[in-house]
Amino acid sequence: MVWWWWLLLGFALLVLELATPGGFYFLFFGVAALVVGGLAGAGAGQPAWLEWLLFSLLSISSMLVFRHRLLALLNTPDAAGASVGQLVGEVAVLLEDLAPGAVAKAELRGTSWTVRTSGEERLARGRRCRIERVEGLTLWVRPE
């Protein structure tokens, strides 16, 4: 295959990676195509079957070695946001009065959340509450 076809294939696969939601599959095939195109363009052009074999080996082996590490690097809590389960112990501020057993809204990290309390005390608007547990998207709070 002509070297510039490999480069076109590589760039097309990289653009396809940008158009798909972060699985990081096309990335490794695109980079492998660019490497094979670069080698073919530098005069290391071999028979077509050898180029395809090199492309296959490079793309699959790099995907097996680096994909997991890349996903782990990009799924850090700072980049992806904290999971809901990690909110236990945080402090939320009530946006509404909260009667025992009732549902209200509270602000936590700039977002409005649904909160409940299992206590018998009525909690006033503006009161700071500590999160005891999380059930779905409902936060169970106690007065701080």
N, C-alpha and C. Protein backbone atom coordinates (compact mmCIF):
# COMPACT_ATOMS: atom_id res chain seq x y z
N MET A 1 0.85 -1.17 0.00
CA MET A 1 0.00 0.00 0.00
C MET A 1 0.90 1.24 0.00
N VAL A 2 0.48 2.25 -0.68
CA VAL A 2 1.26 3.49 -0.78
C VAL A 2 1.30 4.17 0.58
N TRP A 3 2.44 4.76 0.92
CA TRP A 3 2.67 5.32 2.25
C TRP A 3 1.63 6.36 2.63
N TRP A 4 1.22 7.20 1.68
CA TRP A 4 0.29 8.27 2.04
C TRP A 4 -1.12 7.74 2.28
N TRP A 5 -1.44 6.55 1.75
CA TRP A 5 -2.73 5.92 2.09
C TRP A 5 -2.74 5.54 3.57
N TRP A 6 -1.60 5.07 4.06
CA TRP A 6 -1.50 4.74 5.48
C TRP A 6 -1.70 5.98 6.34
N LEU A 7 -1.12 7.10 5.92
CA LEU A 7 -1.28 8.35 6.67
C LEU A 7 -2.74 8.82 6.64
N LEU A 8 -3.38 8.72 5.49
CA LEU A 8 -4.80 9.09 5.41
C LEU A 8 -5.65 8.19 6.30
N LEU A 9 -5.37 6.90 6.27
CA LEU A 9 -6.09 5.97 7.12
C LEU A 9 -5.87 6.31 8.60
N GLY A 10 -4.63 6.61 8.96
CA GLY A 10 -4.31 6.96 10.34
C GLY A 10 -5.05 8.21 10.80
N PHE A 11 -5.03 9.26 9.99
CA PHE A 11 -5.73 10.49 10.36
C PHE A 11 -7.24 10.28 10.41
N ALA A 12 -7.77 9.48 9.48
CA ALA A 12 -9.21 9.19 9.50
C ALA A 12 -9.60 8.45 10.77
N LEU A 13 -8.78 7.50 11.19
CA LEU A 13 -9.08 6.77 12.42
C LEU A 13 -8.96 7.66 13.65
N LEU A 14 -8.02 8.60 13.65
CA LEU A 14 -7.90 9.53 14.78
C LEU A 14 -9.10 10.47 14.83
N VAL A 15 -9.58 10.92 13.69
CA VAL A 15 -10.79 11.76 13.66
C VAL A 15 -11.99 10.95 14.12
N LEU A 16 -12.06 9.70 13.72
CA LEU A 16 -13.15 8.83 14.16
C LEU A 16 -13.11 8.64 15.68
N GLU A 17 -11.92 8.56 16.24
CA GLU A 17 -11.79 8.46 17.71
C GLU A 17 -12.36 9.70 18.39
N LEU A 18 -12.12 10.86 17.81
CA LEU A 18 -12.65 12.10 18.38
C LEU A 18 -14.17 12.16 18.29
N ALA A 19 -14.74 11.50 17.29
CA ALA A 19 -16.19 11.54 17.08
C ALA A 19 -16.94 10.50 17.91
N THR A 20 -16.23 9.57 18.52
CA THR A 20 -16.89 8.53 19.31
C THR A 20 -16.67 8.78 20.80
N PRO A 21 -17.58 8.31 21.64
CA PRO A 21 -17.43 8.54 23.08
C PRO A 21 -16.35 7.65 23.68
N GLY A 22 -15.28 8.26 24.12
CA GLY A 22 -14.12 7.75 24.82
C GLY A 22 -13.89 6.29 25.07
N GLY A 23 -13.90 5.45 24.06
CA GLY A 23 -13.54 4.06 24.29
C GLY A 23 -12.07 3.81 24.05
N PHE A 24 -11.42 4.70 23.33
CA PHE A 24 -10.00 4.60 22.99
C PHE A 24 -9.68 3.29 22.27
N TYR A 25 -10.44 3.04 21.21
CA TYR A 25 -10.12 1.90 20.36
C TYR A 25 -9.49 2.38 19.06
N PHE A 26 -10.13 3.33 18.40
CA PHE A 26 -9.63 3.82 17.11
C PHE A 26 -8.29 4.54 17.25
N LEU A 27 -8.01 5.07 18.43
CA LEU A 27 -6.76 5.79 18.67
C LEU A 27 -5.55 4.91 18.35
N PHE A 28 -5.54 3.71 18.85
CA PHE A 28 -4.39 2.82 18.67
C PHE A 28 -4.25 2.34 17.22
N PHE A 29 -5.38 2.13 16.55
CA PHE A 29 -5.33 1.75 15.14
C PHE A 29 -4.84 2.92 14.29
N GLY A 30 -5.28 4.13 14.65
CA GLY A 30 -4.82 5.32 13.92
C GLY A 30 -3.34 5.56 14.08
N VAL A 31 -2.84 5.45 15.30
CA VAL A 31 -1.41 5.65 15.54
C VAL A 31 -0.60 4.56 14.82
N ALA A 32 -1.08 3.33 14.84
CA ALA A 32 -0.36 2.25 14.15
C ALA A 32 -0.32 2.51 12.64
N ALA A 33 -1.40 3.01 12.08
CA ALA A 33 -1.41 3.33 10.65
C ALA A 33 -0.43 4.45 10.34
N LEU A 34 -0.34 5.45 11.22
CA LEU A 34 0.62 6.53 11.02
C LEU A 34 2.06 6.02 11.10
N VAL A 35 2.33 5.11 12.02
CA VAL A 35 3.68 4.54 12.14
C VAL A 35 4.03 3.74 10.89
N VAL A 36 3.10 2.91 10.43
CA VAL A 36 3.37 2.11 9.22
C VAL A 36 3.54 3.04 8.02
N GLY A 37 2.73 4.08 7.92
CA GLY A 37 2.88 5.05 6.83
C GLY A 37 4.21 5.77 6.90
N GLY A 38 4.63 6.13 8.11
CA GLY A 38 5.94 6.77 8.27
C GLY A 38 7.07 5.86 7.87
N LEU A 39 6.99 4.60 8.26
CA LEU A 39 8.03 3.63 7.88
C LEU A 39 8.06 3.42 6.37
N ALA A 40 6.87 3.31 5.77
CA ALA A 40 6.80 3.12 4.32
C ALA A 40 7.31 4.36 3.59
N GLY A 41 7.00 5.53 4.11
CA GLY A 41 7.46 6.77 3.49
C GLY A 41 8.95 6.98 3.65
N ALA A 42 9.55 6.43 4.69
CA ALA A 42 10.99 6.58 4.93
C ALA A 42 11.80 5.58 4.11
N GLY A 43 11.13 4.79 3.29
CA GLY A 43 11.87 3.86 2.45
C GLY A 43 11.92 2.45 3.00
N ALA A 44 11.28 2.22 4.11
CA ALA A 44 11.26 0.87 4.67
C ALA A 44 10.03 0.12 4.16
N GLY A 45 9.58 0.50 2.96
CA GLY A 45 8.40 -0.14 2.38
C GLY A 45 8.66 -1.61 2.11
N GLN A 46 7.80 -2.41 2.59
CA GLN A 46 7.91 -3.86 2.45
C GLN A 46 6.73 -4.34 1.61
N PRO A 47 6.62 -5.61 1.42
CA PRO A 47 5.43 -6.12 0.74
C PRO A 47 4.17 -5.73 1.52
N ALA A 48 3.06 -5.64 0.82
CA ALA A 48 1.81 -5.20 1.43
C ALA A 48 1.41 -6.09 2.60
N TRP A 49 1.64 -7.38 2.49
CA TRP A 49 1.23 -8.29 3.56
C TRP A 49 2.01 -8.00 4.84
N LEU A 50 3.29 -7.59 4.70
CA LEU A 50 4.10 -7.28 5.87
C LEU A 50 3.65 -5.98 6.52
N GLU A 51 3.26 -5.00 5.69
CA GLU A 51 2.73 -3.75 6.24
C GLU A 51 1.44 -4.01 7.03
N TRP A 52 0.56 -4.82 6.48
CA TRP A 52 -0.69 -5.14 7.18
C TRP A 52 -0.43 -5.93 8.47
N LEU A 53 0.54 -6.82 8.41
CA LEU A 53 0.90 -7.57 9.61
C LEU A 53 1.46 -6.63 10.68
N LEU A 54 2.35 -5.72 10.28
CA LEU A 54 2.91 -4.75 11.22
C LEU A 54 1.81 -3.85 11.79
N PHE A 55 0.90 -3.40 10.94
CA PHE A 55 -0.22 -2.58 11.38
C PHE A 55 -1.06 -3.33 12.42
N SER A 56 -1.36 -4.57 12.14
CA SER A 56 -2.18 -5.37 13.07
C SER A 56 -1.47 -5.58 14.40
N LEU A 57 -0.21 -5.97 14.34
CA LEU A 57 0.54 -6.22 15.57
C LEU A 57 0.71 -4.95 16.40
N LEU A 58 1.05 -3.85 15.74
CA LEU A 58 1.23 -2.58 16.47
C LEU A 58 -0.07 -2.12 17.12
N SER A 59 -1.15 -2.15 16.38
CA SER A 59 -2.41 -1.62 16.91
C SER A 59 -2.94 -2.48 18.05
N ILE A 60 -2.95 -3.77 17.89
CA ILE A 60 -3.51 -4.64 18.93
C ILE A 60 -2.61 -4.68 20.16
N SER A 61 -1.30 -4.79 19.95
CA SER A 61 -0.42 -4.85 21.12
C SER A 61 -0.41 -3.53 21.89
N SER A 62 -0.40 -2.40 21.18
CA SER A 62 -0.43 -1.13 21.90
C SER A 62 -1.76 -0.93 22.62
N MET A 63 -2.85 -1.39 22.02
CA MET A 63 -4.14 -1.29 22.69
C MET A 63 -4.17 -2.15 23.95
N LEU A 64 -3.64 -3.35 23.88
CA LEU A 64 -3.62 -4.22 25.05
C LEU A 64 -2.73 -3.67 26.16
N VAL A 65 -1.64 -3.03 25.80
CA VAL A 65 -0.69 -2.53 26.80
C VAL A 65 -1.12 -1.18 27.37
N PHE A 66 -1.58 -0.27 26.53
CA PHE A 66 -1.77 1.11 26.97
C PHE A 66 -3.21 1.54 27.22
N ARG A 67 -4.21 0.85 26.69
CA ARG A 67 -5.59 1.31 26.82
C ARG A 67 -6.03 1.38 28.27
N HIS A 68 -5.76 0.35 29.04
CA HIS A 68 -6.18 0.33 30.45
C HIS A 68 -5.52 1.47 31.22
N ARG A 69 -4.25 1.69 30.96
CA ARG A 69 -3.54 2.78 31.65
C ARG A 69 -4.10 4.14 31.27
N LEU A 70 -4.43 4.32 30.01
CA LEU A 70 -4.99 5.58 29.54
C LEU A 70 -6.35 5.83 30.17
N LEU A 71 -7.19 4.81 30.23
CA LEU A 71 -8.50 4.96 30.86
C LEU A 71 -8.36 5.26 32.35
N ALA A 72 -7.43 4.59 33.03
CA ALA A 72 -7.21 4.85 34.45
C ALA A 72 -6.70 6.26 34.68
N LEU A 73 -5.86 6.74 33.79
CA LEU A 73 -5.32 8.09 33.91
C LEU A 73 -6.42 9.13 33.75
N LEU A 74 -7.34 8.91 32.84
CA LEU A 74 -8.39 9.88 32.56
C LEU A 74 -9.60 9.75 33.47
N ASN A 75 -9.70 8.67 34.22
CA ASN A 75 -10.83 8.48 35.14
C ASN A 75 -10.47 8.81 36.58
N THR A 76 -9.58 9.75 36.77
CA THR A 76 -9.24 10.17 38.13
C THR A 76 -10.40 10.94 38.71
N PRO A 77 -10.56 10.96 40.03
CA PRO A 77 -11.67 11.70 40.63
C PRO A 77 -11.66 13.18 40.28
N ASP A 78 -10.47 13.77 40.08
CA ASP A 78 -10.41 15.18 39.72
C ASP A 78 -10.99 15.42 38.34
N ALA A 79 -10.72 14.51 37.42
CA ALA A 79 -11.18 14.70 36.05
C ALA A 79 -12.64 14.30 35.88
N ALA A 80 -13.06 13.23 36.51
CA ALA A 80 -14.40 12.71 36.30
C ALA A 80 -15.39 13.21 37.34
N GLY A 81 -14.95 13.85 38.38
CA GLY A 81 -15.85 14.26 39.45
C GLY A 81 -15.98 13.12 40.45
N ALA A 82 -16.27 13.46 41.66
CA ALA A 82 -16.41 12.44 42.69
C ALA A 82 -17.69 11.65 42.46
N SER A 83 -17.65 10.37 42.79
CA SER A 83 -18.86 9.58 42.67
C SER A 83 -19.81 9.95 43.81
N VAL A 84 -21.06 9.62 43.63
CA VAL A 84 -22.07 9.99 44.62
C VAL A 84 -21.78 9.34 45.96
N GLY A 85 -21.23 8.14 45.97
CA GLY A 85 -20.93 7.46 47.22
C GLY A 85 -19.86 8.14 48.05
N GLN A 86 -19.06 8.98 47.43
CA GLN A 86 -17.99 9.66 48.14
C GLN A 86 -18.48 10.93 48.84
N LEU A 87 -19.76 11.20 48.79
CA LEU A 87 -20.30 12.41 49.41
C LEU A 87 -20.55 12.25 50.91
N VAL A 88 -20.50 11.02 51.41
CA VAL A 88 -20.74 10.78 52.84
C VAL A 88 -19.70 11.54 53.66
N GLY A 89 -20.20 12.29 54.63
CA GLY A 89 -19.33 13.09 55.48
C GLY A 89 -19.21 14.54 55.05
N GLU A 90 -19.64 14.85 53.85
CA GLU A 90 -19.61 16.24 53.36
C GLU A 90 -20.70 17.05 54.06
N VAL A 91 -20.61 18.37 53.94
CA VAL A 91 -21.60 19.26 54.56
C VAL A 91 -22.42 19.93 53.48
N ALA A 92 -23.73 19.85 53.60
CA ALA A 92 -24.67 20.50 52.68
C ALA A 92 -25.45 21.57 53.44
N VAL A 93 -25.94 22.57 52.70
CA VAL A 93 -26.73 23.66 53.30
C VAL A 93 -28.15 23.53 52.78
N LEU A 94 -29.11 23.50 53.70
CA LEU A 94 -30.51 23.34 53.32
C LEU A 94 -31.01 24.58 52.59
N LEU A 95 -31.71 24.36 51.48
CA LEU A 95 -32.31 25.44 50.72
C LEU A 95 -33.78 25.63 51.10
N GLU A 96 -34.34 24.66 51.82
CA GLU A 96 -35.74 24.68 52.26
C GLU A 96 -35.80 24.13 53.68
N ASP A 97 -36.89 24.39 54.37
CA ASP A 97 -37.12 23.75 55.66
C ASP A 97 -37.30 22.26 55.43
N LEU A 98 -36.80 21.46 56.37
CA LEU A 98 -36.88 20.00 56.25
C LEU A 98 -37.55 19.43 57.48
N ALA A 99 -38.78 18.93 57.28
CA ALA A 99 -39.52 18.29 58.37
C ALA A 99 -39.06 16.84 58.50
N PRO A 100 -39.21 16.24 59.68
CA PRO A 100 -38.83 14.83 59.86
C PRO A 100 -39.55 13.92 58.86
N GLY A 101 -38.80 13.10 58.17
CA GLY A 101 -39.36 12.16 57.20
C GLY A 101 -39.73 12.79 55.87
N ALA A 102 -39.59 14.10 55.72
CA ALA A 102 -39.97 14.79 54.49
C ALA A 102 -38.76 14.91 53.55
N VAL A 103 -39.02 15.44 52.39
CA VAL A 103 -37.99 15.65 51.38
C VAL A 103 -37.82 17.15 51.16
N ALA A 104 -36.58 17.59 50.98
CA ALA A 104 -36.29 19.00 50.71
C ALA A 104 -35.10 19.07 49.78
N LYS A 105 -34.66 20.30 49.51
CA LYS A 105 -33.49 20.53 48.67
C LYS A 105 -32.37 21.12 49.50
N ALA A 106 -31.14 20.73 49.15
CA ALA A 106 -29.96 21.28 49.82
C ALA A 106 -28.89 21.52 48.76
N GLU A 107 -27.98 22.44 49.07
CA GLU A 107 -26.90 22.74 48.16
C GLU A 107 -25.62 22.07 48.63
N LEU A 108 -24.96 21.41 47.69
CA LEU A 108 -23.68 20.77 47.96
C LEU A 108 -22.82 20.91 46.72
N ARG A 109 -21.65 21.51 46.87
CA ARG A 109 -20.71 21.70 45.77
C ARG A 109 -21.35 22.45 44.61
N GLY A 110 -22.22 23.42 44.93
CA GLY A 110 -22.83 24.25 43.91
C GLY A 110 -23.99 23.61 43.18
N THR A 111 -24.45 22.45 43.65
CA THR A 111 -25.54 21.73 43.01
C THR A 111 -26.65 21.48 44.01
N SER A 112 -27.88 21.53 43.52
CA SER A 112 -29.03 21.26 44.37
C SER A 112 -29.29 19.76 44.42
N TRP A 113 -29.45 19.23 45.65
CA TRP A 113 -29.67 17.81 45.87
C TRP A 113 -30.97 17.60 46.64
N THR A 114 -31.56 16.45 46.44
CA THR A 114 -32.71 16.04 47.25
C THR A 114 -32.18 15.44 48.54
N VAL A 115 -32.71 15.92 49.68
CA VAL A 115 -32.25 15.42 50.98
C VAL A 115 -33.42 14.97 51.83
N ARG A 116 -33.12 14.07 52.74
CA ARG A 116 -34.08 13.58 53.74
C ARG A 116 -33.36 13.49 55.06
N THR A 117 -34.12 13.48 56.14
CA THR A 117 -33.54 13.26 57.45
C THR A 117 -34.33 12.17 58.16
N SER A 118 -33.62 11.37 58.92
CA SER A 118 -34.29 10.31 59.69
C SER A 118 -34.52 10.75 61.12
N GLY A 119 -34.03 11.94 61.45
CA GLY A 119 -34.20 12.46 62.81
C GLY A 119 -35.60 13.00 63.05
N GLU A 120 -35.89 13.34 64.31
CA GLU A 120 -37.21 13.85 64.70
C GLU A 120 -37.23 15.38 64.77
N GLU A 121 -36.09 16.00 64.50
CA GLU A 121 -35.98 17.45 64.62
C GLU A 121 -36.28 18.11 63.27
N ARG A 122 -37.03 19.23 63.31
CA ARG A 122 -37.29 20.01 62.11
C ARG A 122 -36.05 20.87 61.85
N LEU A 123 -35.55 20.83 60.61
CA LEU A 123 -34.35 21.57 60.26
C LEU A 123 -34.73 22.78 59.42
N ALA A 124 -34.23 23.95 59.81
CA ALA A 124 -34.59 25.20 59.15
C ALA A 124 -33.73 25.44 57.92
N ARG A 125 -34.27 26.24 57.02
CA ARG A 125 -33.56 26.66 55.81
C ARG A 125 -32.25 27.35 56.21
N GLY A 126 -31.15 27.05 55.48
CA GLY A 126 -29.86 27.63 55.77
C GLY A 126 -29.02 26.83 56.76
N ARG A 127 -29.59 25.81 57.35
CA ARG A 127 -28.88 24.98 58.33
C ARG A 127 -27.88 24.09 57.63
N ARG A 128 -26.72 23.95 58.24
CA ARG A 128 -25.68 23.06 57.71
C ARG A 128 -25.95 21.64 58.22
N CYS A 129 -25.87 20.68 57.30
CA CYS A 129 -26.14 19.29 57.64
C CYS A 129 -25.03 18.41 57.08
N ARG A 130 -24.72 17.37 57.84
CA ARG A 130 -23.70 16.41 57.40
C ARG A 130 -24.40 15.23 56.74
N ILE A 131 -23.83 14.74 55.65
CA ILE A 131 -24.42 13.63 54.91
C ILE A 131 -24.05 12.32 55.59
N GLU A 132 -25.09 11.53 55.93
CA GLU A 132 -24.89 10.24 56.59
C GLU A 132 -24.77 9.10 55.60
N ARG A 133 -25.63 9.10 54.59
CA ARG A 133 -25.62 8.03 53.58
C ARG A 133 -26.25 8.55 52.30
N VAL A 134 -26.05 7.79 51.23
CA VAL A 134 -26.59 8.14 49.92
C VAL A 134 -27.40 6.96 49.42
N GLU A 135 -28.63 7.23 49.02
CA GLU A 135 -29.49 6.21 48.42
C GLU A 135 -29.94 6.73 47.06
N GLY A 136 -29.38 6.18 46.02
CA GLY A 136 -29.67 6.70 44.68
C GLY A 136 -29.10 8.10 44.57
N LEU A 137 -29.97 9.08 44.32
CA LEU A 137 -29.56 10.47 44.27
C LEU A 137 -30.13 11.26 45.44
N THR A 138 -30.59 10.57 46.46
CA THR A 138 -31.09 11.22 47.66
C THR A 138 -30.04 11.14 48.76
N LEU A 139 -29.77 12.27 49.37
CA LEU A 139 -28.80 12.34 50.46
C LEU A 139 -29.54 12.33 51.79
N TRP A 140 -29.15 11.46 52.69
CA TRP A 140 -29.70 11.42 54.04
C TRP A 140 -28.78 12.22 54.93
N VAL A 141 -29.34 13.22 55.62
CA VAL A 141 -28.53 14.17 56.39
C VAL A 141 -28.92 14.15 57.86
N ARG A 142 -28.01 14.68 58.68
CA ARG A 142 -28.27 14.93 60.09
C ARG A 142 -27.75 16.33 60.37
N PRO A 143 -28.29 17.01 61.35
CA PRO A 143 -27.80 18.37 61.65
C PRO A 143 -26.35 18.34 62.06
N GLU A 144 -25.62 19.36 61.65
CA GLU A 144 -24.21 19.42 61.99
C GLU A 144 -24.03 19.99 63.39
